[in-house]
N, C-alpha and C. Protein backbone atom coordinates (compact mmCIF):
# COMPACT_ATOMS: atom_id res chain seq x y z
N UNK A 1 75.37 73.58 53.99
CA UNK A 1 75.19 74.60 54.55
C UNK A 1 74.86 74.86 55.86
N UNK A 2 74.42 74.06 56.70
CA UNK A 2 74.04 74.06 58.24
C UNK A 2 75.16 73.53 58.91
N UNK A 3 76.35 72.63 58.52
CA UNK A 3 77.45 72.48 59.55
C UNK A 3 78.10 73.22 59.30
N UNK A 4 78.41 74.26 58.35
CA UNK A 4 79.42 75.46 58.15
C UNK A 4 78.64 76.50 59.09
N UNK A 5 77.48 76.49 59.41
CA UNK A 5 76.75 77.63 59.93
C UNK A 5 77.48 77.06 61.86
N UNK A 6 77.13 75.88 61.92
CA UNK A 6 77.27 75.45 63.24
C UNK A 6 78.59 75.59 63.39
N UNK A 7 79.71 75.02 62.36
CA UNK A 7 81.01 75.18 62.87
C UNK A 7 81.17 76.99 63.11
N UNK A 8 81.25 77.62 62.24
CA UNK A 8 81.02 79.37 62.51
C UNK A 8 80.66 79.74 63.54
N UNK A 9 79.85 79.31 64.14
CA UNK A 9 78.89 79.86 65.57
C UNK A 9 80.18 79.00 66.57
N UNK A 10 80.61 77.52 66.81
CA UNK A 10 81.61 77.39 67.01
C UNK A 10 82.73 78.02 67.16
N UNK A 11 83.27 78.80 66.31
CA UNK A 11 84.19 79.47 65.92
C UNK A 11 84.32 80.51 66.76
N UNK A 12 83.11 81.73 66.49
CA UNK A 12 82.89 82.70 66.94
C UNK A 12 83.07 82.46 68.63
N UNK A 13 82.26 81.41 69.17
CA UNK A 13 81.82 81.19 70.53
C UNK A 13 83.13 81.16 71.28
N UNK A 14 84.17 80.22 70.80
CA UNK A 14 85.62 79.84 71.14
C UNK A 14 86.49 81.28 70.97
N UNK A 15 86.63 82.29 70.06
CA UNK A 15 87.18 83.33 70.32
C UNK A 15 86.66 84.06 71.23
N UNK A 16 85.24 84.49 71.39
CA UNK A 16 84.53 85.23 72.52
C UNK A 16 85.61 84.50 73.55
N UNK A 17 85.03 83.27 73.69
CA UNK A 17 85.40 82.76 75.07
C UNK A 17 86.71 83.07 75.70
N UNK A 18 87.82 82.87 74.71
CA UNK A 18 89.27 83.40 74.83
C UNK A 18 89.55 84.78 75.36
N UNK A 19 88.67 85.60 74.32
CA UNK A 19 89.09 86.51 75.04
C UNK A 19 88.23 87.29 75.83
N UNK A 20 87.25 86.69 76.26
CA UNK A 20 86.72 87.26 77.93
C UNK A 20 87.53 86.54 78.90
N UNK A 21 88.01 85.38 78.27
CA UNK A 21 89.30 84.82 79.82
C UNK A 21 89.99 85.47 79.92
N UNK A 22 90.86 86.08 79.23
CA UNK A 22 91.89 87.07 78.91
C UNK A 22 91.70 88.43 79.95
N UNK A 23 90.36 88.71 79.27
CA UNK A 23 90.01 89.85 80.04
C UNK A 23 89.96 89.80 81.68
N UNK A 24 89.29 88.55 81.61
CA UNK A 24 88.69 88.14 83.51
C UNK A 24 90.57 88.30 84.35
N UNK A 25 91.26 87.42 83.66
CA UNK A 25 92.39 87.40 83.90
C UNK A 25 93.56 88.47 84.53
N UNK A 26 93.30 89.26 83.24
CA UNK A 26 94.08 91.09 83.22
C UNK A 26 93.37 91.55 84.27
N UNK A 27 91.80 91.62 84.71
CA UNK A 27 91.13 92.28 85.75
C UNK A 27 91.88 91.74 86.88
N UNK A 28 91.84 90.58 87.47
CA UNK A 28 92.11 90.24 88.68
C UNK A 28 94.14 90.34 89.24
N UNK A 29 95.04 90.61 88.04
CA UNK A 29 96.42 91.05 88.36
C UNK A 29 96.08 92.62 88.71
N UNK A 30 95.49 93.56 88.21
CA UNK A 30 95.14 94.72 88.84
C UNK A 30 94.65 95.29 90.19
N UNK A 31 95.99 95.62 90.61
CA UNK A 31 95.78 96.26 92.05
C UNK A 31 94.28 96.33 92.41
N UNK A 32 93.70 95.96 93.89
CA UNK A 32 92.53 96.34 94.12
C UNK A 32 92.24 98.19 94.39
N UNK A 33 91.24 98.40 93.50
CA UNK A 33 90.71 99.68 93.91
C UNK A 33 91.28 100.50 93.06
N UNK A 34 92.93 100.36 93.39
CA UNK A 34 93.67 101.37 92.42
C UNK A 34 93.58 101.74 90.97
N UNK A 35 92.85 100.78 90.48
CA UNK A 35 92.33 100.48 88.86
C UNK A 35 91.18 101.49 88.65
N UNK A 36 90.66 102.24 90.02
CA UNK A 36 89.06 103.03 89.97
C UNK A 36 89.82 104.48 90.53
N UNK A 37 91.35 104.56 90.84
CA UNK A 37 91.47 105.65 91.76
C UNK A 37 90.91 105.83 93.09
N UNK A 38 90.49 104.39 93.62
CA UNK A 38 90.76 104.85 95.06
C UNK A 38 91.72 103.81 96.04
N UNK A 39 91.75 104.39 97.35
CA UNK A 39 92.47 104.15 97.95
C UNK A 39 92.58 101.89 98.22
N UNK A 40 93.81 101.85 98.58
CA UNK A 40 94.02 100.31 98.20
C UNK A 40 93.24 99.73 99.60
N UNK A 41 92.76 98.39 99.95
CA UNK A 41 92.87 98.21 101.01
C UNK A 41 94.11 98.05 102.14
N UNK A 42 95.51 98.29 101.42
CA UNK A 42 96.31 98.28 102.72
C UNK A 42 96.58 99.57 102.95
N UNK A 43 96.41 100.47 102.13
CA UNK A 43 96.61 101.89 102.45
C UNK A 43 95.73 102.26 103.30
N UNK A 44 94.41 101.75 102.90
CA UNK A 44 93.56 102.39 104.16
C UNK A 44 93.44 101.68 105.51
N UNK A 45 94.19 100.94 105.43
CA UNK A 45 94.21 99.61 107.05
C UNK A 45 95.44 100.48 107.76
N UNK A 46 96.94 100.99 106.93
CA UNK A 46 97.69 101.83 107.55
C UNK A 46 97.24 102.81 108.33
N UNK A 47 96.51 103.23 107.22
CA UNK A 47 95.64 104.98 107.15
C UNK A 47 94.97 104.98 108.78
N UNK A 48 93.95 103.93 108.96
CA UNK A 48 93.50 103.94 110.19
C UNK A 48 94.53 103.26 110.80
N UNK A 49 95.19 102.61 111.25
CA UNK A 49 96.28 102.24 112.05
C UNK A 49 97.04 103.32 112.75
N UNK A 50 97.61 104.42 111.74
CA UNK A 50 98.03 105.43 112.21
C UNK A 50 97.29 105.89 112.68
N UNK A 51 95.82 106.51 112.45
CA UNK A 51 94.71 107.28 113.15
C UNK A 51 94.40 106.90 114.57
N UNK A 52 94.38 105.30 114.72
CA UNK A 52 94.10 104.78 115.72
C UNK A 52 95.53 105.31 116.67
N UNK A 53 96.36 105.12 116.14
CA UNK A 53 97.58 105.42 116.84
C UNK A 53 97.37 106.89 117.76
N UNK A 54 96.92 107.71 116.58
CA UNK A 54 97.42 109.26 116.95
C UNK A 54 96.12 109.51 117.95
N UNK A 55 95.06 108.84 117.95
CA UNK A 55 93.72 108.98 118.81
C UNK A 55 94.31 108.77 120.48
N UNK A 56 94.94 107.21 120.16
CA UNK A 56 95.39 106.85 121.79
C UNK A 56 96.28 107.90 122.17
N UNK A 57 97.59 108.55 121.76
CA UNK A 57 98.50 109.38 121.89
C UNK A 57 97.55 111.08 121.75
N UNK A 58 96.47 111.43 121.77
CA UNK A 58 95.84 112.54 122.08
C UNK A 58 95.16 112.36 123.31
N UNK A 59 94.46 110.68 123.40
CA UNK A 59 94.10 110.67 125.10
C UNK A 59 95.08 110.99 126.33
N UNK A 60 96.44 111.06 125.66
CA UNK A 60 96.80 110.75 126.79
C UNK A 60 97.80 112.26 126.96
N UNK A 61 97.22 113.22 126.18
CA UNK A 61 97.39 114.80 126.53
C UNK A 61 97.00 115.13 127.64
N UNK A 62 95.78 114.60 128.22
CA UNK A 62 95.42 115.04 129.47
C UNK A 62 96.26 114.48 131.03
N UNK A 63 97.47 113.87 130.33
CA UNK A 63 98.06 113.19 131.40
C UNK A 63 97.34 112.23 132.52
N UNK A 64 96.43 111.68 131.70
CA UNK A 64 95.47 110.61 132.76
C UNK A 64 96.41 109.60 132.12
N UNK A 65 96.91 108.47 133.07
CA UNK A 65 96.93 107.09 132.41
C UNK A 65 96.14 106.39 132.04
N UNK A 66 96.46 105.77 130.54
CA UNK A 66 95.81 104.92 130.07
C UNK A 66 95.89 103.35 130.27
N UNK A 67 95.19 102.94 130.32
CA UNK A 67 95.34 101.68 130.36
C UNK A 67 95.19 100.43 128.73
N UNK A 68 95.40 99.33 128.82
CA UNK A 68 94.94 98.86 127.41
C UNK A 68 93.73 98.45 127.35
N UNK A 69 93.00 97.99 128.84
CA UNK A 69 91.14 98.02 128.58
C UNK A 69 90.58 99.11 127.97
N UNK A 70 91.06 100.38 128.79
CA UNK A 70 90.76 101.49 128.20
C UNK A 70 90.31 102.21 127.00
N UNK A 71 91.74 101.92 126.16
CA UNK A 71 91.56 102.01 125.02
C UNK A 71 90.82 100.87 124.14
N UNK A 72 90.84 99.96 124.83
CA UNK A 72 90.03 98.59 123.74
C UNK A 72 88.60 99.30 123.99
N UNK A 73 88.26 99.84 124.99
CA UNK A 73 86.31 100.43 124.94
C UNK A 73 86.70 101.72 124.34
N UNK A 74 87.38 102.36 123.98
CA UNK A 74 86.97 103.71 123.62
C UNK A 74 87.32 103.59 121.79
N UNK A 75 88.03 102.88 121.26
CA UNK A 75 88.26 102.53 120.55
C UNK A 75 87.55 101.83 119.40
N UNK A 76 87.21 100.65 120.48
CA UNK A 76 86.52 99.42 119.79
C UNK A 76 87.51 98.36 119.39
N UNK A 77 88.86 98.37 119.45
CA UNK A 77 89.33 97.23 119.16
C UNK A 77 89.77 96.53 119.81
N UNK A 78 90.26 95.27 119.63
CA UNK A 78 90.65 93.81 120.27
C UNK A 78 91.87 94.13 121.56
N UNK A 79 91.98 94.07 122.41
CA UNK A 79 92.78 93.55 122.91
C UNK A 79 93.95 93.76 122.67
N UNK A 80 94.45 93.25 121.82
CA UNK A 80 95.61 92.70 121.44
C UNK A 80 96.20 93.48 120.13
N UNK A 81 95.19 94.23 119.69
CA UNK A 81 95.19 95.29 118.84
C UNK A 81 95.88 96.84 119.62
N UNK A 82 94.90 96.66 120.59
CA UNK A 82 95.60 97.77 121.41
C UNK A 82 97.37 97.50 122.31
N UNK A 83 97.41 96.24 122.76
CA UNK A 83 98.86 95.78 123.24
C UNK A 83 99.59 96.36 122.39
N UNK A 84 99.63 96.33 121.01
CA UNK A 84 100.30 96.12 119.91
C UNK A 84 100.29 98.18 119.37
N UNK A 85 99.64 98.84 119.35
CA UNK A 85 99.39 99.75 118.89
C UNK A 85 100.59 100.71 120.37
N UNK A 86 100.09 99.96 121.99
CA UNK A 86 100.97 100.44 123.14
C UNK A 86 102.58 100.42 122.73
N UNK A 87 102.75 98.94 121.77
CA UNK A 87 104.25 98.76 122.18
C UNK A 87 104.78 99.60 120.88
N UNK A 88 104.01 99.96 119.59
CA UNK A 88 104.41 100.41 118.62
C UNK A 88 105.00 102.18 119.54
N UNK A 89 103.81 102.59 119.83
CA UNK A 89 104.27 104.13 120.27
C UNK A 89 105.17 104.25 121.13
N UNK A 90 105.39 103.16 122.29
CA UNK A 90 106.18 102.87 123.42
C UNK A 90 108.10 102.75 122.31
N UNK A 91 108.12 102.20 121.27
CA UNK A 91 109.35 102.05 120.45
C UNK A 91 109.34 103.21 119.87
N UNK A 92 108.43 103.95 119.40
CA UNK A 92 108.75 105.09 118.95
C UNK A 92 109.09 106.29 119.67
N UNK A 93 108.98 106.06 121.12
CA UNK A 93 109.30 107.11 122.00
C UNK A 93 107.90 108.24 122.90
N UNK A 94 107.02 107.81 122.20
CA UNK A 94 106.24 108.55 122.26
C UNK A 94 105.18 108.43 123.77
N UNK A 95 105.23 107.01 124.13
CA UNK A 95 104.91 106.71 125.70
C UNK A 95 105.61 106.01 126.20
N UNK A 96 105.40 105.67 127.57
CA UNK A 96 106.29 104.44 128.24
C UNK A 96 105.12 104.11 129.47
N UNK A 97 105.34 102.57 129.68
CA UNK A 97 105.23 101.47 130.68
C UNK A 97 104.96 101.84 131.10
N UNK A 98 104.40 102.38 132.62
CA UNK A 98 104.18 101.72 133.82
C UNK A 98 103.90 100.69 134.73
N UNK A 99 104.68 99.93 135.26
CA UNK A 99 104.25 98.92 135.51
C UNK A 99 104.89 97.35 134.54
N UNK A 100 104.41 96.15 135.05
CA UNK A 100 105.47 94.95 134.31
C UNK A 100 104.22 94.34 133.83
N UNK A 101 103.64 93.83 134.65
CA UNK A 101 102.43 92.94 133.97
C UNK A 101 101.24 92.76 134.63
N UNK A 102 99.78 92.63 134.62
CA UNK A 102 98.74 92.39 134.76
C UNK A 102 97.94 93.54 135.18
N UNK A 103 96.75 93.99 135.89
CA UNK A 103 96.23 95.30 136.12
C UNK A 103 97.20 96.53 136.24
N UNK A 104 97.80 96.05 136.97
CA UNK A 104 99.17 97.38 137.22
C UNK A 104 99.43 97.98 136.06
N UNK A 105 99.69 97.64 134.79
CA UNK A 105 100.53 98.09 134.26
C UNK A 105 99.07 99.33 133.46
N UNK A 106 100.26 100.56 133.21
CA UNK A 106 98.70 101.47 132.26
C UNK A 106 100.34 102.11 131.76
N UNK A 107 100.07 103.35 130.89
CA UNK A 107 100.90 104.04 129.95
C UNK A 107 100.65 105.51 130.03
N UNK A 108 101.45 106.11 130.13
CA UNK A 108 101.29 107.77 129.70
C UNK A 108 102.64 108.24 129.18
N UNK A 109 102.42 109.36 128.77
CA UNK A 109 103.19 110.17 127.79
C UNK A 109 104.50 110.26 127.98
N UNK A 110 105.74 110.03 127.41
CA UNK A 110 107.24 109.60 127.45
C UNK A 110 107.29 111.16 127.44
């Protein structure tokens, strides 16, 4: 009788463990946050990037030339990110680069 109870407990534990494992695997396959109706990480990053680019473009409305260093300090973003944003805005035709290299480079509205 005791052997049967031990066997029964083992079967229940095995089935329960298998079901739990399948549930964990299924949860990992769901996109992050979309299961809860929230914005995904990639969507949030895209939104923040566009917001930063719009802020840069807004800063240029005063017709004051901006440098990468200015944007880096004002938005609190790395220099490489500010440079990339300016490159993207330039490709979109919103800004133009004045100067070629070094400290003389600044950007203004196109």
